[in-house]
């Protein structure tokens, strides 16, 4: 299946295929579209409402950036804030309801970030004007922003100084 994804999207870096597309392709089938096992067309949401032609034209490169929640598109910032609220404060959000492993993933990433200072895997983002859209890595960004003290929780361990403000994207 990975071979077919790479054939369809030759511009995609291997790590983006591995962590972003392949898990969904194994579950939903490839290429994206309406499938019997996907009546709600989850691919449309996964691919951020863009078709494969859009993704084929995308140019990828790695950059080291100091992102904040304010650098994100409003919709993406809302996702990050809700992930932090549900995984840190235990508030009920769409993510605490729909993602049974959300807290476990969040905590695992926080532990890694505290130990290593950098993301366990690169977060995939797309620049949209002066803001960024998250393609893959919402839990990683939420963990990073939480440890950076962006949730304004009174905790002597926050911000966690071992976590680098600049990360590779």
N, C-alpha and C. Protein backbone atom coordinates (compact mmCIF):
# COMPACT_ATOMS: atom_id res chain seq x y z
N UNK A 1 0.82 -1.20 0.00
CA UNK A 1 0.00 0.00 0.00
C UNK A 1 0.86 1.26 0.00
N UNK A 2 1.98 1.23 0.76
CA UNK A 2 2.87 2.38 0.80
C UNK A 2 3.40 2.69 -0.60
N UNK A 3 3.69 1.65 -1.36
CA UNK A 3 4.19 1.83 -2.72
C UNK A 3 3.18 2.60 -3.58
N UNK A 4 1.91 2.27 -3.42
CA UNK A 4 0.86 2.94 -4.19
C UNK A 4 0.72 4.41 -3.77
N UNK A 5 0.82 4.66 -2.47
CA UNK A 5 0.74 6.05 -1.99
C UNK A 5 1.89 6.86 -2.56
N UNK A 6 3.09 6.31 -2.54
CA UNK A 6 4.26 7.01 -3.06
C UNK A 6 4.12 7.24 -4.57
N UNK A 7 3.54 6.27 -5.25
CA UNK A 7 3.31 6.42 -6.69
C UNK A 7 2.32 7.57 -6.95
N UNK A 8 1.26 7.63 -6.14
CA UNK A 8 0.24 8.67 -6.31
C UNK A 8 0.70 10.04 -5.82
N UNK A 9 1.57 10.05 -4.83
CA UNK A 9 2.05 11.31 -4.24
C UNK A 9 3.58 11.29 -4.14
N UNK A 10 4.26 11.33 -5.28
CA UNK A 10 5.72 11.19 -5.27
C UNK A 10 6.44 12.34 -4.57
N UNK A 11 5.77 13.45 -4.37
CA UNK A 11 6.38 14.59 -3.70
C UNK A 11 6.38 14.46 -2.17
N UNK A 12 5.65 13.50 -1.62
CA UNK A 12 5.54 13.35 -0.17
C UNK A 12 6.80 12.73 0.42
N UNK A 13 7.34 13.33 1.48
CA UNK A 13 8.47 12.69 2.18
C UNK A 13 8.02 11.37 2.81
N UNK A 14 8.95 10.43 2.90
CA UNK A 14 8.63 9.11 3.45
C UNK A 14 8.02 9.18 4.84
N UNK A 15 8.58 10.04 5.71
CA UNK A 15 8.06 10.10 7.07
C UNK A 15 6.63 10.63 7.12
N UNK A 16 6.27 11.51 6.20
CA UNK A 16 4.90 12.02 6.16
C UNK A 16 3.95 10.92 5.66
N UNK A 17 4.39 10.15 4.69
CA UNK A 17 3.59 9.01 4.22
C UNK A 17 3.39 8.03 5.38
N UNK A 18 4.48 7.70 6.07
CA UNK A 18 4.44 6.72 7.15
C UNK A 18 3.52 7.13 8.29
N UNK A 19 3.65 8.37 8.76
CA UNK A 19 2.90 8.76 9.95
C UNK A 19 1.56 9.41 9.67
N UNK A 20 1.37 9.97 8.48
CA UNK A 20 0.14 10.68 8.18
C UNK A 20 -0.83 9.85 7.34
N UNK A 21 -0.36 9.29 6.24
CA UNK A 21 -1.27 8.63 5.31
C UNK A 21 -1.41 7.13 5.50
N UNK A 22 -0.31 6.44 5.74
CA UNK A 22 -0.34 4.98 5.77
C UNK A 22 -1.30 4.40 6.82
N UNK A 23 -1.32 4.93 8.05
CA UNK A 23 -2.28 4.36 9.02
C UNK A 23 -3.74 4.47 8.55
N UNK A 24 -4.09 5.58 7.93
CA UNK A 24 -5.45 5.75 7.44
C UNK A 24 -5.70 4.87 6.21
N UNK A 25 -4.71 4.75 5.36
CA UNK A 25 -4.85 3.91 4.16
C UNK A 25 -5.07 2.46 4.56
N UNK A 26 -4.39 2.00 5.59
CA UNK A 26 -4.58 0.62 6.07
C UNK A 26 -6.00 0.41 6.58
N UNK A 27 -6.55 1.44 7.19
CA UNK A 27 -7.89 1.36 7.75
C UNK A 27 -8.99 1.59 6.71
N UNK A 28 -8.78 2.56 5.81
CA UNK A 28 -9.83 3.01 4.91
C UNK A 28 -9.64 2.59 3.46
N UNK A 29 -8.45 2.11 3.12
CA UNK A 29 -8.15 1.78 1.74
C UNK A 29 -7.49 2.94 1.03
N UNK A 30 -6.89 2.65 -0.10
CA UNK A 30 -6.22 3.65 -0.92
C UNK A 30 -6.52 3.36 -2.36
N UNK A 31 -6.76 4.35 -3.20
CA UNK A 31 -6.67 5.79 -2.98
C UNK A 31 -7.90 6.33 -2.26
N UNK A 32 -7.80 7.57 -1.75
CA UNK A 32 -8.93 8.18 -1.04
C UNK A 32 -10.16 8.28 -1.92
N UNK A 33 -11.27 8.20 -1.30
CA UNK A 33 -12.54 8.31 -1.99
C UNK A 33 -13.63 7.68 -1.15
N UNK A 34 -14.75 7.49 -1.72
CA UNK A 34 -15.86 6.84 -1.01
C UNK A 34 -15.63 5.33 -1.01
N UNK A 35 -15.62 4.75 0.16
CA UNK A 35 -15.43 3.31 0.30
C UNK A 35 -16.59 2.76 1.13
N UNK A 36 -16.89 1.51 0.94
CA UNK A 36 -17.97 0.88 1.71
C UNK A 36 -17.69 0.94 3.20
N UNK A 37 -16.41 0.82 3.59
CA UNK A 37 -16.08 0.85 5.02
C UNK A 37 -15.86 2.29 5.52
N UNK A 38 -16.15 3.27 4.68
CA UNK A 38 -15.97 4.68 5.05
C UNK A 38 -17.14 5.51 4.54
N UNK A 39 -18.37 5.21 5.01
CA UNK A 39 -19.54 5.91 4.48
C UNK A 39 -19.53 7.42 4.76
N UNK A 40 -18.82 7.86 5.79
CA UNK A 40 -18.79 9.29 6.09
C UNK A 40 -17.67 10.01 5.35
N UNK A 41 -16.97 9.29 4.49
CA UNK A 41 -15.86 9.85 3.71
C UNK A 41 -14.84 10.56 4.61
N UNK A 42 -14.27 9.80 5.53
CA UNK A 42 -13.27 10.35 6.45
C UNK A 42 -12.06 10.91 5.71
N UNK A 43 -11.78 10.35 4.53
CA UNK A 43 -10.63 10.85 3.77
C UNK A 43 -10.74 12.35 3.50
N UNK A 44 -11.94 12.80 3.26
CA UNK A 44 -12.14 14.23 2.98
C UNK A 44 -11.63 15.07 4.15
N UNK A 45 -11.92 14.65 5.37
CA UNK A 45 -11.45 15.38 6.55
C UNK A 45 -9.95 15.19 6.76
N UNK A 46 -9.48 13.98 6.58
CA UNK A 46 -8.06 13.69 6.76
C UNK A 46 -7.21 14.53 5.81
N UNK A 47 -7.66 14.63 4.56
CA UNK A 47 -6.92 15.39 3.55
C UNK A 47 -7.30 16.88 3.56
N UNK A 48 -7.96 17.29 4.64
CA UNK A 48 -8.28 18.70 4.86
C UNK A 48 -9.07 19.31 3.70
N UNK A 49 -9.97 18.48 3.16
CA UNK A 49 -10.90 18.89 2.10
C UNK A 49 -10.19 19.28 0.80
N UNK A 50 -9.02 18.70 0.57
CA UNK A 50 -8.28 18.90 -0.67
C UNK A 50 -8.18 17.57 -1.41
N UNK A 51 -8.20 17.63 -2.74
CA UNK A 51 -8.07 16.41 -3.52
C UNK A 51 -6.59 16.06 -3.71
N UNK A 52 -6.34 14.89 -4.32
CA UNK A 52 -4.96 14.45 -4.50
C UNK A 52 -4.16 15.39 -5.41
N UNK A 53 -4.82 16.03 -6.36
CA UNK A 53 -4.10 16.99 -7.21
C UNK A 53 -3.49 18.12 -6.38
N UNK A 54 -4.23 18.59 -5.39
CA UNK A 54 -3.71 19.62 -4.50
C UNK A 54 -2.45 19.13 -3.80
N UNK A 55 -2.53 17.92 -3.25
CA UNK A 55 -1.42 17.36 -2.49
C UNK A 55 -0.21 17.05 -3.38
N UNK A 56 -0.45 16.71 -4.63
CA UNK A 56 0.66 16.44 -5.56
C UNK A 56 1.47 17.71 -5.84
N UNK A 57 0.83 18.85 -5.79
CA UNK A 57 1.50 20.12 -6.10
C UNK A 57 2.25 20.70 -4.90
N UNK A 58 1.98 20.17 -3.72
CA UNK A 58 2.59 20.70 -2.51
C UNK A 58 4.09 20.42 -2.50
N UNK A 59 4.88 21.44 -2.16
CA UNK A 59 6.32 21.28 -2.04
C UNK A 59 6.67 21.18 -0.55
N UNK A 60 7.50 20.22 -0.23
CA UNK A 60 7.85 19.94 1.16
C UNK A 60 9.29 20.36 1.44
N UNK A 61 9.52 20.94 2.61
CA UNK A 61 10.87 21.17 3.09
C UNK A 61 10.84 21.27 4.60
N UNK A 62 11.97 20.99 5.22
CA UNK A 62 12.05 21.08 6.68
C UNK A 62 12.57 22.44 7.07
N UNK A 63 11.94 22.98 8.12
CA UNK A 63 12.35 24.26 8.67
C UNK A 63 12.34 24.16 10.19
N UNK A 64 13.24 24.88 10.81
CA UNK A 64 13.24 25.00 12.25
C UNK A 64 12.55 26.32 12.59
N UNK A 65 11.49 26.21 13.39
CA UNK A 65 10.66 27.37 13.70
C UNK A 65 10.36 27.44 15.19
N UNK A 66 10.05 28.63 15.64
CA UNK A 66 9.54 28.84 16.99
C UNK A 66 8.06 29.17 16.85
N UNK A 67 7.24 28.13 16.81
CA UNK A 67 5.79 28.32 16.66
C UNK A 67 5.15 28.58 18.00
N UNK A 68 4.08 29.35 17.98
CA UNK A 68 3.21 29.53 19.14
C UNK A 68 1.79 29.22 18.69
N UNK A 69 0.86 29.06 19.60
CA UNK A 69 -0.53 28.85 19.18
C UNK A 69 -1.05 29.98 18.30
N UNK A 70 -0.50 31.18 18.45
CA UNK A 70 -0.96 32.32 17.68
C UNK A 70 -0.49 32.29 16.22
N UNK A 71 0.47 31.41 15.91
CA UNK A 71 0.93 31.24 14.53
C UNK A 71 0.01 30.32 13.74
N UNK A 72 -0.93 29.67 14.41
CA UNK A 72 -1.80 28.69 13.76
C UNK A 72 -3.07 29.34 13.24
N UNK A 73 -3.64 28.71 12.23
CA UNK A 73 -4.97 29.12 11.77
C UNK A 73 -5.94 28.98 12.95
N UNK A 74 -6.97 29.81 13.04
CA UNK A 74 -7.89 29.74 14.18
C UNK A 74 -8.46 28.34 14.43
N UNK A 75 -8.84 27.63 13.39
CA UNK A 75 -9.40 26.28 13.55
C UNK A 75 -8.36 25.34 14.17
N UNK A 76 -7.12 25.45 13.74
CA UNK A 76 -6.06 24.59 14.26
C UNK A 76 -5.71 24.96 15.70
N UNK A 77 -5.70 26.25 15.99
CA UNK A 77 -5.47 26.69 17.38
C UNK A 77 -6.55 26.13 18.29
N UNK A 78 -7.79 26.12 17.82
CA UNK A 78 -8.89 25.57 18.60
C UNK A 78 -8.68 24.08 18.88
N UNK A 79 -8.21 23.34 17.91
CA UNK A 79 -7.92 21.92 18.10
C UNK A 79 -6.88 21.74 19.20
N UNK A 80 -5.81 22.51 19.12
CA UNK A 80 -4.72 22.41 20.09
C UNK A 80 -5.21 22.76 21.49
N UNK A 81 -5.96 23.83 21.61
CA UNK A 81 -6.48 24.24 22.92
C UNK A 81 -7.39 23.16 23.49
N UNK A 82 -8.27 22.60 22.66
CA UNK A 82 -9.16 21.54 23.13
C UNK A 82 -8.40 20.28 23.53
N UNK A 83 -7.35 19.95 22.80
CA UNK A 83 -6.53 18.80 23.20
C UNK A 83 -5.87 19.05 24.55
N UNK A 84 -5.37 20.25 24.78
CA UNK A 84 -4.77 20.57 26.06
C UNK A 84 -5.82 20.54 27.18
N UNK A 85 -6.98 21.12 26.92
CA UNK A 85 -8.04 21.14 27.94
C UNK A 85 -8.48 19.74 28.33
N UNK A 86 -8.66 18.87 27.34
CA UNK A 86 -9.12 17.52 27.66
C UNK A 86 -8.02 16.67 28.29
N UNK A 87 -6.79 16.81 27.83
CA UNK A 87 -5.72 15.94 28.31
C UNK A 87 -5.00 16.44 29.55
N UNK A 88 -5.10 17.73 29.85
CA UNK A 88 -4.46 18.28 31.05
C UNK A 88 -5.50 18.52 32.15
N UNK A 89 -6.61 19.16 31.78
CA UNK A 89 -7.60 19.53 32.78
C UNK A 89 -8.76 18.55 32.89
N UNK A 90 -8.79 17.56 32.02
CA UNK A 90 -9.85 16.56 32.07
C UNK A 90 -11.20 17.07 31.60
N UNK A 91 -11.23 18.19 30.90
CA UNK A 91 -12.50 18.71 30.40
C UNK A 91 -12.99 17.86 29.23
N UNK A 92 -14.29 17.77 29.12
CA UNK A 92 -14.88 17.00 28.02
C UNK A 92 -14.87 17.86 26.76
N UNK A 93 -14.21 17.34 25.75
CA UNK A 93 -14.18 17.98 24.43
C UNK A 93 -14.45 16.90 23.40
N UNK A 94 -14.58 17.29 22.17
CA UNK A 94 -14.81 16.31 21.11
C UNK A 94 -13.67 15.29 21.07
N UNK A 95 -12.46 15.69 21.43
CA UNK A 95 -11.31 14.79 21.38
C UNK A 95 -11.31 13.80 22.52
N UNK A 96 -11.77 14.21 23.69
CA UNK A 96 -11.84 13.26 24.80
C UNK A 96 -12.94 12.22 24.56
N UNK A 97 -13.94 12.60 23.77
CA UNK A 97 -15.04 11.68 23.46
C UNK A 97 -14.69 10.74 22.31
N UNK A 98 -14.05 11.27 21.27
CA UNK A 98 -13.83 10.48 20.06
C UNK A 98 -12.48 9.78 19.99
N UNK A 99 -11.52 10.16 20.83
CA UNK A 99 -10.19 9.56 20.77
C UNK A 99 -9.88 8.89 22.10
N UNK A 100 -10.10 7.60 22.16
CA UNK A 100 -9.93 6.88 23.42
C UNK A 100 -8.48 6.88 23.92
N UNK A 101 -7.52 7.04 23.02
CA UNK A 101 -6.12 7.01 23.42
C UNK A 101 -5.49 8.41 23.50
N UNK A 102 -6.30 9.45 23.45
CA UNK A 102 -5.78 10.81 23.39
C UNK A 102 -4.89 11.14 24.58
N UNK A 103 -5.34 10.88 25.79
CA UNK A 103 -4.57 11.20 27.00
C UNK A 103 -3.27 10.41 27.02
N UNK A 104 -3.34 9.14 26.67
CA UNK A 104 -2.13 8.30 26.64
C UNK A 104 -1.11 8.85 25.64
N UNK A 105 -1.56 9.23 24.46
CA UNK A 105 -0.68 9.79 23.44
C UNK A 105 -0.07 11.11 23.92
N UNK A 106 -0.91 11.96 24.46
CA UNK A 106 -0.47 13.26 24.97
C UNK A 106 0.61 13.08 26.04
N UNK A 107 0.35 12.21 27.02
CA UNK A 107 1.29 11.99 28.11
C UNK A 107 2.60 11.38 27.61
N UNK A 108 2.51 10.45 26.67
CA UNK A 108 3.71 9.81 26.10
C UNK A 108 4.58 10.85 25.39
N UNK A 109 3.94 11.76 24.65
CA UNK A 109 4.69 12.80 23.95
C UNK A 109 5.30 13.79 24.94
N UNK A 110 4.55 14.15 25.99
CA UNK A 110 5.11 15.04 27.02
C UNK A 110 6.35 14.43 27.65
N UNK A 111 6.28 13.15 27.97
CA UNK A 111 7.44 12.47 28.56
C UNK A 111 8.64 12.51 27.62
N UNK A 112 8.40 12.25 26.35
CA UNK A 112 9.47 12.28 25.36
C UNK A 112 10.06 13.68 25.23
N UNK A 113 9.19 14.68 25.13
CA UNK A 113 9.66 16.06 25.00
C UNK A 113 10.49 16.50 26.22
N UNK A 114 10.06 16.12 27.40
CA UNK A 114 10.82 16.47 28.61
C UNK A 114 12.20 15.83 28.59
N UNK A 115 12.26 14.59 28.13
CA UNK A 115 13.52 13.85 28.12
C UNK A 115 14.45 14.30 26.99
N UNK A 116 13.90 14.46 25.77
CA UNK A 116 14.72 14.72 24.58
C UNK A 116 14.75 16.19 24.16
N UNK A 117 13.74 16.95 24.54
CA UNK A 117 13.68 18.36 24.18
C UNK A 117 13.09 18.65 22.81
N UNK A 118 12.91 17.62 21.99
CA UNK A 118 12.40 17.78 20.63
C UNK A 118 11.27 16.79 20.38
N UNK A 119 10.51 17.03 19.31
CA UNK A 119 9.41 16.14 18.94
C UNK A 119 9.92 14.72 18.67
N UNK A 120 9.12 13.71 19.01
CA UNK A 120 9.51 12.34 18.66
C UNK A 120 9.53 12.11 17.15
N UNK A 121 8.66 12.81 16.44
CA UNK A 121 8.61 12.78 14.98
C UNK A 121 8.25 14.19 14.53
N UNK A 122 8.72 14.54 13.35
CA UNK A 122 8.47 15.88 12.82
C UNK A 122 6.98 16.13 12.65
N UNK A 123 6.54 17.31 13.02
CA UNK A 123 5.16 17.74 12.82
C UNK A 123 5.06 18.30 11.41
N UNK A 124 4.03 17.89 10.67
CA UNK A 124 3.82 18.38 9.31
C UNK A 124 2.84 19.54 9.35
N UNK A 125 3.30 20.69 8.86
CA UNK A 125 2.47 21.89 8.81
C UNK A 125 2.54 22.48 7.41
N UNK A 126 1.56 23.30 7.09
CA UNK A 126 1.54 23.99 5.80
C UNK A 126 1.37 25.47 6.07
N UNK A 127 2.20 26.27 5.43
CA UNK A 127 2.08 27.72 5.59
C UNK A 127 0.93 28.22 4.72
N UNK A 128 0.05 28.99 5.35
CA UNK A 128 -1.12 29.57 4.68
C UNK A 128 -1.07 31.07 4.97
N UNK A 129 -0.41 31.82 4.10
CA UNK A 129 -0.21 33.25 4.36
C UNK A 129 0.76 33.40 5.51
N UNK A 130 0.34 34.13 6.55
CA UNK A 130 1.22 34.31 7.71
C UNK A 130 0.90 33.34 8.85
N UNK A 131 0.04 32.35 8.60
CA UNK A 131 -0.35 31.35 9.60
C UNK A 131 0.03 29.96 9.10
N UNK A 132 -0.11 28.99 10.01
CA UNK A 132 0.20 27.61 9.67
C UNK A 132 -1.01 26.72 9.93
N UNK A 133 -1.17 25.73 9.06
CA UNK A 133 -2.21 24.72 9.19
C UNK A 133 -1.50 23.42 9.54
N UNK A 134 -2.06 22.69 10.50
CA UNK A 134 -1.48 21.42 10.92
C UNK A 134 -1.97 20.33 9.97
N UNK A 135 -1.02 19.65 9.35
CA UNK A 135 -1.36 18.51 8.51
C UNK A 135 -1.34 17.25 9.36
N UNK A 136 -0.30 17.08 10.15
CA UNK A 136 -0.19 15.92 11.04
C UNK A 136 0.64 16.31 12.25
N UNK A 137 0.14 16.01 13.45
CA UNK A 137 0.92 16.26 14.65
C UNK A 137 0.22 17.10 15.70
N UNK A 138 -1.10 17.06 15.75
CA UNK A 138 -1.84 17.88 16.72
C UNK A 138 -1.47 17.55 18.16
N UNK A 139 -1.35 16.26 18.50
CA UNK A 139 -0.98 15.89 19.87
C UNK A 139 0.44 16.35 20.20
N UNK A 140 1.34 16.26 19.23
CA UNK A 140 2.71 16.71 19.46
C UNK A 140 2.74 18.21 19.73
N UNK A 141 2.01 18.97 18.93
CA UNK A 141 1.98 20.42 19.14
C UNK A 141 1.29 20.78 20.45
N UNK A 142 0.19 20.11 20.76
CA UNK A 142 -0.51 20.39 22.01
C UNK A 142 0.40 20.11 23.21
N UNK A 143 1.13 19.01 23.16
CA UNK A 143 2.07 18.67 24.25
C UNK A 143 3.17 19.72 24.35
N UNK A 144 3.68 20.13 23.21
CA UNK A 144 4.74 21.14 23.17
C UNK A 144 4.26 22.47 23.74
N UNK A 145 3.10 22.90 23.33
CA UNK A 145 2.58 24.18 23.82
C UNK A 145 2.22 24.09 25.30
N UNK A 146 1.69 22.95 25.74
CA UNK A 146 1.40 22.77 27.16
C UNK A 146 2.69 22.90 27.98
N UNK A 147 3.72 22.17 27.58
CA UNK A 147 4.99 22.21 28.31
C UNK A 147 5.66 23.58 28.21
N UNK A 148 5.31 24.33 27.17
CA UNK A 148 5.84 25.68 27.03
C UNK A 148 5.11 26.70 27.88
N UNK A 149 4.06 26.25 28.59
CA UNK A 149 3.33 27.14 29.50
C UNK A 149 2.21 27.92 28.85
N UNK A 150 1.80 27.53 27.65
CA UNK A 150 0.78 28.29 26.93
C UNK A 150 -0.63 28.13 27.49
N UNK A 151 -0.87 27.15 28.34
CA UNK A 151 -2.21 26.96 28.88
C UNK A 151 -2.44 27.80 30.14
N UNK A 152 -1.39 28.46 30.62
CA UNK A 152 -1.47 29.32 31.80
C UNK A 152 -1.95 28.58 33.04
N UNK A 153 -1.40 27.39 33.23
CA UNK A 153 -1.67 26.62 34.44
C UNK A 153 -0.56 26.93 35.44
N UNK A 154 -0.95 27.16 36.68
CA UNK A 154 0.05 27.42 37.71
C UNK A 154 0.69 26.09 38.10
N UNK A 155 1.92 25.92 37.67
CA UNK A 155 2.67 24.70 37.92
C UNK A 155 4.14 25.09 37.91
N UNK A 156 4.85 24.77 38.99
CA UNK A 156 6.26 25.16 39.09
C UNK A 156 7.13 24.53 38.01
N UNK A 157 6.66 23.46 37.39
CA UNK A 157 7.44 22.78 36.35
C UNK A 157 7.19 23.36 34.95
N UNK A 158 6.28 24.32 34.86
CA UNK A 158 5.97 24.91 33.55
C UNK A 158 6.40 26.37 33.53
N UNK A 159 6.95 26.86 32.48
CA UNK A 159 7.30 26.08 31.30
C UNK A 159 8.47 25.13 31.59
N UNK A 160 8.49 24.04 30.89
CA UNK A 160 9.52 23.01 31.02
C UNK A 160 10.72 23.45 30.19
N UNK A 161 11.76 23.86 30.86
CA UNK A 161 12.90 24.48 30.18
C UNK A 161 13.72 23.51 29.35
N UNK A 162 13.55 22.20 29.56
CA UNK A 162 14.31 21.24 28.75
C UNK A 162 13.72 21.09 27.35
N UNK A 163 12.51 21.58 27.15
CA UNK A 163 11.87 21.49 25.83
C UNK A 163 12.27 22.71 25.01
N UNK A 164 12.84 22.44 23.85
CA UNK A 164 13.30 23.53 22.99
C UNK A 164 12.12 24.29 22.39
N UNK A 165 12.22 25.61 22.41
CA UNK A 165 11.18 26.44 21.81
C UNK A 165 11.16 26.27 20.30
N UNK A 166 12.34 26.18 19.70
CA UNK A 166 12.44 25.96 18.25
C UNK A 166 12.43 24.46 17.97
N UNK A 167 11.59 24.07 17.03
CA UNK A 167 11.45 22.66 16.67
C UNK A 167 11.54 22.55 15.15
N UNK A 168 11.83 21.35 14.67
CA UNK A 168 11.86 21.12 13.23
C UNK A 168 10.47 20.74 12.75
N UNK A 169 10.04 21.40 11.69
CA UNK A 169 8.73 21.16 11.08
C UNK A 169 8.93 20.81 9.63
